[in-house]
N, C-alpha and C. Protein backbone atom coordinates (compact mmCIF):
# COMPACT_ATOMS: atom_id res chain seq x y z
N UNK A 1 21.19 29.18 13.96
CA UNK A 1 20.41 29.71 15.05
C UNK A 1 20.56 28.78 16.24
N UNK A 2 20.85 29.33 17.37
CA UNK A 2 21.04 28.54 18.57
C UNK A 2 19.74 28.50 19.36
N UNK A 3 19.32 27.28 19.68
CA UNK A 3 18.15 27.09 20.52
C UNK A 3 18.65 26.77 21.93
N UNK A 4 17.80 26.93 22.90
CA UNK A 4 18.23 26.66 24.28
C UNK A 4 18.20 25.16 24.55
N UNK A 5 19.04 24.69 25.47
CA UNK A 5 19.02 23.27 25.82
C UNK A 5 17.63 22.82 26.31
N UNK A 6 16.94 23.69 27.02
CA UNK A 6 15.60 23.37 27.52
C UNK A 6 14.62 23.17 26.36
N UNK A 7 14.71 24.04 25.37
CA UNK A 7 13.87 23.94 24.19
C UNK A 7 14.15 22.63 23.45
N UNK A 8 15.42 22.33 23.26
CA UNK A 8 15.81 21.10 22.55
C UNK A 8 15.35 19.86 23.31
N UNK A 9 15.45 19.88 24.62
CA UNK A 9 15.03 18.73 25.44
C UNK A 9 13.52 18.53 25.36
N UNK A 10 12.79 19.64 25.39
CA UNK A 10 11.32 19.57 25.31
C UNK A 10 10.91 18.96 23.97
N UNK A 11 11.56 19.38 22.90
CA UNK A 11 11.28 18.84 21.56
C UNK A 11 11.59 17.34 21.53
N UNK A 12 12.74 16.95 22.07
CA UNK A 12 13.17 15.55 22.05
C UNK A 12 12.20 14.64 22.80
N UNK A 13 11.65 15.14 23.91
CA UNK A 13 10.76 14.32 24.75
C UNK A 13 9.31 14.31 24.28
N UNK A 14 8.96 15.22 23.40
CA UNK A 14 7.59 15.28 22.89
C UNK A 14 7.30 14.02 22.06
N UNK A 15 6.12 13.47 22.21
CA UNK A 15 5.80 12.26 21.45
C UNK A 15 5.21 12.63 20.08
N UNK A 16 5.59 11.83 19.10
CA UNK A 16 5.04 12.01 17.76
C UNK A 16 3.52 11.86 17.79
N UNK A 17 3.04 10.90 18.60
CA UNK A 17 1.59 10.65 18.65
C UNK A 17 0.81 11.84 19.21
N UNK A 18 1.46 12.69 20.00
CA UNK A 18 0.76 13.86 20.55
C UNK A 18 0.65 14.98 19.51
N UNK A 19 1.55 15.00 18.55
CA UNK A 19 1.58 16.06 17.54
C UNK A 19 0.86 15.64 16.26
N UNK A 20 0.91 14.36 15.96
CA UNK A 20 0.34 13.84 14.72
C UNK A 20 -1.11 14.28 14.48
N UNK A 21 -2.02 14.18 15.47
CA UNK A 21 -3.41 14.61 15.22
C UNK A 21 -3.50 16.09 14.81
N UNK A 22 -2.59 16.90 15.33
CA UNK A 22 -2.58 18.33 14.96
C UNK A 22 -2.15 18.50 13.50
N UNK A 23 -1.19 17.68 13.07
CA UNK A 23 -0.78 17.70 11.66
C UNK A 23 -1.98 17.35 10.77
N UNK A 24 -2.69 16.27 11.12
CA UNK A 24 -3.84 15.83 10.33
C UNK A 24 -4.90 16.93 10.27
N UNK A 25 -5.24 17.49 11.42
CA UNK A 25 -6.24 18.55 11.47
C UNK A 25 -5.82 19.74 10.62
N UNK A 26 -4.57 20.14 10.75
CA UNK A 26 -4.06 21.30 10.01
C UNK A 26 -4.19 21.10 8.50
N UNK A 27 -3.78 19.94 8.00
CA UNK A 27 -3.82 19.75 6.55
C UNK A 27 -5.25 19.52 6.05
N UNK A 28 -6.05 18.79 6.82
CA UNK A 28 -7.43 18.53 6.37
C UNK A 28 -8.27 19.79 6.37
N UNK A 29 -8.01 20.69 7.33
CA UNK A 29 -8.73 21.97 7.37
C UNK A 29 -8.51 22.78 6.10
N UNK A 30 -7.36 22.56 5.49
CA UNK A 30 -6.99 23.30 4.28
C UNK A 30 -7.24 22.51 3.00
N UNK A 31 -8.01 21.41 3.12
CA UNK A 31 -8.39 20.66 1.93
C UNK A 31 -7.38 19.63 1.46
N UNK A 32 -6.38 19.35 2.26
CA UNK A 32 -5.41 18.31 1.90
C UNK A 32 -5.81 17.02 2.63
N UNK A 33 -5.15 15.92 2.29
CA UNK A 33 -5.55 14.62 2.85
C UNK A 33 -4.50 14.03 3.78
N UNK A 34 -4.96 13.07 4.57
CA UNK A 34 -4.04 12.33 5.44
C UNK A 34 -3.03 11.56 4.59
N UNK A 35 -3.47 11.09 3.43
CA UNK A 35 -2.57 10.36 2.52
C UNK A 35 -1.44 11.27 2.05
N UNK A 36 -1.78 12.53 1.75
CA UNK A 36 -0.73 13.48 1.35
C UNK A 36 0.22 13.75 2.51
N UNK A 37 -0.33 13.86 3.71
CA UNK A 37 0.51 14.04 4.90
C UNK A 37 1.48 12.87 5.04
N UNK A 38 0.96 11.65 4.88
CA UNK A 38 1.81 10.47 5.00
C UNK A 38 2.87 10.43 3.90
N UNK A 39 2.52 10.92 2.72
CA UNK A 39 3.50 11.00 1.63
C UNK A 39 4.65 11.93 2.01
N UNK A 40 4.32 13.05 2.64
CA UNK A 40 5.33 14.01 3.08
C UNK A 40 6.20 13.39 4.19
N UNK A 41 5.56 12.72 5.14
CA UNK A 41 6.32 12.09 6.24
C UNK A 41 7.23 11.01 5.68
N UNK A 42 6.72 10.22 4.74
CA UNK A 42 7.54 9.16 4.15
C UNK A 42 8.71 9.74 3.38
N UNK A 43 8.49 10.82 2.64
CA UNK A 43 9.59 11.45 1.90
C UNK A 43 10.71 11.88 2.86
N UNK A 44 10.34 12.49 3.97
CA UNK A 44 11.34 13.00 4.91
C UNK A 44 12.02 11.87 5.69
N UNK A 45 11.25 10.88 6.14
CA UNK A 45 11.76 9.90 7.10
C UNK A 45 11.97 8.49 6.57
N UNK A 46 11.31 8.16 5.46
CA UNK A 46 11.35 6.80 4.95
C UNK A 46 10.29 5.91 5.58
N UNK A 47 9.48 6.42 6.49
CA UNK A 47 8.45 5.63 7.17
C UNK A 47 7.21 5.48 6.29
N UNK A 48 6.81 4.22 6.06
CA UNK A 48 5.58 3.99 5.32
C UNK A 48 4.39 4.06 6.27
N UNK A 49 3.20 3.87 5.71
CA UNK A 49 1.95 3.95 6.49
C UNK A 49 1.99 3.04 7.72
N UNK A 50 2.42 1.80 7.52
CA UNK A 50 2.46 0.82 8.62
C UNK A 50 3.40 1.30 9.74
N UNK A 51 4.56 1.79 9.36
CA UNK A 51 5.54 2.25 10.36
C UNK A 51 5.03 3.49 11.08
N UNK A 52 4.39 4.40 10.38
CA UNK A 52 3.83 5.60 11.01
C UNK A 52 2.82 5.18 12.08
N UNK A 53 1.94 4.25 11.74
CA UNK A 53 0.94 3.79 12.71
C UNK A 53 1.59 3.09 13.90
N UNK A 54 2.64 2.34 13.65
CA UNK A 54 3.38 1.66 14.72
C UNK A 54 4.02 2.68 15.67
N UNK A 55 4.63 3.71 15.12
CA UNK A 55 5.27 4.75 15.94
C UNK A 55 4.24 5.51 16.78
N UNK A 56 3.07 5.73 16.20
CA UNK A 56 1.98 6.37 16.94
C UNK A 56 1.54 5.46 18.08
N UNK A 57 1.34 4.18 17.78
CA UNK A 57 0.86 3.22 18.80
C UNK A 57 1.85 3.09 19.96
N UNK A 58 3.14 3.11 19.64
CA UNK A 58 4.16 2.97 20.69
C UNK A 58 4.47 4.29 21.39
N UNK A 59 3.83 5.37 20.95
CA UNK A 59 4.01 6.69 21.56
C UNK A 59 5.50 7.06 21.68
N UNK A 60 6.21 6.91 20.56
CA UNK A 60 7.64 7.23 20.56
C UNK A 60 7.86 8.74 20.65
N UNK A 61 8.97 9.09 21.26
CA UNK A 61 9.35 10.50 21.33
C UNK A 61 9.92 10.91 19.98
N UNK A 62 10.04 12.22 19.78
CA UNK A 62 10.67 12.68 18.54
C UNK A 62 12.12 12.23 18.48
N UNK A 63 12.78 12.08 19.62
CA UNK A 63 14.16 11.59 19.64
C UNK A 63 14.21 10.20 19.01
N UNK A 64 13.31 9.32 19.41
CA UNK A 64 13.26 7.96 18.86
C UNK A 64 12.79 7.99 17.41
N UNK A 65 11.78 8.79 17.14
CA UNK A 65 11.23 8.92 15.79
C UNK A 65 12.33 9.23 14.78
N UNK A 66 13.12 10.25 15.06
CA UNK A 66 14.15 10.64 14.10
C UNK A 66 15.40 9.77 14.19
N UNK A 67 15.62 9.11 15.32
CA UNK A 67 16.72 8.16 15.43
C UNK A 67 16.47 6.99 14.47
N UNK A 68 15.21 6.57 14.38
CA UNK A 68 14.84 5.45 13.51
C UNK A 68 14.66 5.85 12.05
N UNK A 69 14.54 7.13 11.78
CA UNK A 69 14.29 7.61 10.42
C UNK A 69 15.54 7.53 9.55
N UNK A 70 15.29 7.39 8.26
CA UNK A 70 16.36 7.51 7.27
C UNK A 70 16.07 8.84 6.56
N UNK A 71 16.64 9.90 7.10
CA UNK A 71 16.34 11.24 6.60
C UNK A 71 16.65 11.36 5.11
N UNK A 72 15.73 11.92 4.37
CA UNK A 72 15.91 12.11 2.93
C UNK A 72 17.17 12.93 2.66
N UNK A 73 17.92 12.51 1.66
CA UNK A 73 19.19 13.22 1.36
C UNK A 73 18.97 14.66 0.92
N UNK A 74 17.74 14.99 0.51
CA UNK A 74 17.43 16.36 0.11
C UNK A 74 16.78 17.18 1.23
N UNK A 75 16.76 16.64 2.44
CA UNK A 75 16.14 17.37 3.56
C UNK A 75 16.79 18.73 3.78
N UNK A 76 18.07 18.82 3.48
CA UNK A 76 18.76 20.10 3.66
C UNK A 76 18.26 21.19 2.71
N UNK A 77 17.44 20.81 1.73
CA UNK A 77 16.85 21.80 0.82
C UNK A 77 15.63 22.48 1.44
N UNK A 78 15.18 21.98 2.60
CA UNK A 78 14.04 22.58 3.29
C UNK A 78 14.54 23.85 3.98
N UNK A 79 13.98 24.97 3.57
CA UNK A 79 14.39 26.25 4.14
C UNK A 79 13.17 27.07 4.49
N UNK A 80 13.40 28.11 5.26
CA UNK A 80 12.32 29.01 5.61
C UNK A 80 12.11 29.08 7.10
N UNK A 81 11.10 29.86 7.49
CA UNK A 81 10.83 30.09 8.90
C UNK A 81 9.63 29.27 9.34
N UNK A 82 9.77 28.61 10.48
CA UNK A 82 8.67 27.89 11.10
C UNK A 82 8.81 28.05 12.61
N UNK A 83 7.72 28.38 13.26
CA UNK A 83 7.71 28.59 14.71
C UNK A 83 8.76 29.62 15.14
N UNK A 84 8.99 30.59 14.29
CA UNK A 84 9.94 31.65 14.63
C UNK A 84 11.41 31.32 14.41
N UNK A 85 11.67 30.13 13.87
CA UNK A 85 13.06 29.71 13.63
C UNK A 85 13.29 29.52 12.14
N UNK A 86 14.44 29.95 11.66
CA UNK A 86 14.84 29.68 10.28
C UNK A 86 15.44 28.28 10.30
N UNK A 87 14.75 27.32 9.67
CA UNK A 87 15.12 25.90 9.81
C UNK A 87 16.54 25.59 9.38
N UNK A 88 17.00 26.24 8.34
CA UNK A 88 18.34 25.93 7.85
C UNK A 88 19.44 26.40 8.80
N UNK A 89 19.10 27.26 9.74
CA UNK A 89 20.10 27.80 10.68
C UNK A 89 20.05 27.15 12.06
N UNK A 90 19.13 26.21 12.28
CA UNK A 90 19.05 25.55 13.59
C UNK A 90 20.24 24.61 13.74
N UNK A 91 20.98 24.76 14.83
CA UNK A 91 22.22 24.01 15.01
C UNK A 91 22.03 22.64 15.64
N UNK A 92 20.98 22.43 16.41
CA UNK A 92 20.75 21.13 17.05
C UNK A 92 20.06 20.21 16.04
N UNK A 93 20.72 19.11 15.64
CA UNK A 93 20.17 18.26 14.57
C UNK A 93 18.74 17.77 14.81
N UNK A 94 18.42 17.28 15.99
CA UNK A 94 17.07 16.78 16.24
C UNK A 94 16.04 17.89 16.13
N UNK A 95 16.32 19.03 16.74
CA UNK A 95 15.38 20.15 16.66
C UNK A 95 15.20 20.57 15.21
N UNK A 96 16.28 20.58 14.44
CA UNK A 96 16.18 20.93 13.03
C UNK A 96 15.31 19.92 12.28
N UNK A 97 15.46 18.63 12.57
CA UNK A 97 14.67 17.62 11.89
C UNK A 97 13.18 17.74 12.21
N UNK A 98 12.86 18.02 13.46
CA UNK A 98 11.46 18.22 13.84
C UNK A 98 10.91 19.44 13.10
N UNK A 99 11.68 20.50 13.03
CA UNK A 99 11.23 21.70 12.33
C UNK A 99 11.13 21.47 10.83
N UNK A 100 11.98 20.58 10.26
CA UNK A 100 11.81 20.20 8.85
C UNK A 100 10.41 19.63 8.66
N UNK A 101 10.02 18.71 9.54
CA UNK A 101 8.70 18.09 9.43
C UNK A 101 7.61 19.15 9.59
N UNK A 102 7.76 20.02 10.57
CA UNK A 102 6.78 21.10 10.76
C UNK A 102 6.66 21.96 9.50
N UNK A 103 7.78 22.26 8.89
CA UNK A 103 7.80 23.11 7.69
C UNK A 103 7.10 22.42 6.53
N UNK A 104 7.35 21.13 6.35
CA UNK A 104 6.70 20.39 5.27
C UNK A 104 5.19 20.33 5.47
N UNK A 105 4.77 20.09 6.70
CA UNK A 105 3.33 20.06 7.02
C UNK A 105 2.72 21.43 6.74
N UNK A 106 3.42 22.48 7.12
CA UNK A 106 2.95 23.84 6.89
C UNK A 106 2.80 24.12 5.39
N UNK A 107 3.79 23.70 4.61
CA UNK A 107 3.72 23.91 3.16
C UNK A 107 2.55 23.14 2.55
N UNK A 108 2.32 21.93 3.03
CA UNK A 108 1.19 21.13 2.56
C UNK A 108 -0.12 21.85 2.86
N UNK A 109 -0.25 22.34 4.08
CA UNK A 109 -1.47 23.04 4.49
C UNK A 109 -1.67 24.34 3.72
N UNK A 110 -0.58 24.95 3.29
CA UNK A 110 -0.69 26.22 2.55
C UNK A 110 -0.97 26.00 1.07
N UNK A 111 -1.10 24.74 0.66
CA UNK A 111 -1.50 24.46 -0.71
C UNK A 111 -0.37 24.36 -1.71
N UNK A 112 0.87 24.27 -1.24
CA UNK A 112 1.99 24.12 -2.17
C UNK A 112 1.85 22.82 -2.95
N UNK A 113 2.37 22.82 -4.16
CA UNK A 113 2.33 21.61 -4.98
C UNK A 113 3.26 20.57 -4.38
N UNK A 114 2.85 19.32 -4.48
CA UNK A 114 3.62 18.23 -3.88
C UNK A 114 5.04 18.16 -4.41
N UNK A 115 5.26 18.45 -5.70
CA UNK A 115 6.62 18.42 -6.25
C UNK A 115 7.53 19.42 -5.55
N UNK A 116 6.97 20.57 -5.21
CA UNK A 116 7.74 21.60 -4.50
C UNK A 116 8.03 21.18 -3.06
N UNK A 117 7.00 20.63 -2.40
CA UNK A 117 7.15 20.21 -1.01
C UNK A 117 8.22 19.13 -0.91
N UNK A 118 8.20 18.18 -1.85
CA UNK A 118 9.13 17.06 -1.83
C UNK A 118 10.45 17.38 -2.50
N UNK A 119 10.63 18.64 -2.84
CA UNK A 119 11.90 19.13 -3.40
C UNK A 119 12.31 18.31 -4.62
N UNK A 120 11.34 18.08 -5.52
CA UNK A 120 11.65 17.31 -6.74
C UNK A 120 11.54 18.16 -8.00
N UNK A 121 11.03 19.37 -7.89
CA UNK A 121 10.88 20.13 -9.13
C UNK A 121 10.61 21.58 -8.93
């Protein structure tokens, strides 16, 4: 799926710290925890709790966030539609990575089992 350059640029310039509180609210509203959210973020990016807090404090953009990440080798197993886009078909790598994170947060909020979200079983 081809996204527009404007869309990709907007995603790249968005700060992780501006989106993070929405992730927390979304999962907590559905009975999940911030710890589970951090587990999902760590699985995808390799960032532990300390690094997540550091990235929030420094107000890094998603471009920097994913540049510093060590994307999980199973990230390509994340499929489905999020924000109107089929994640596996997004051609711009950064936009796809952000949508991977959105998809995992969405699955967490929808009550999926952690093994399924983390593509382990």
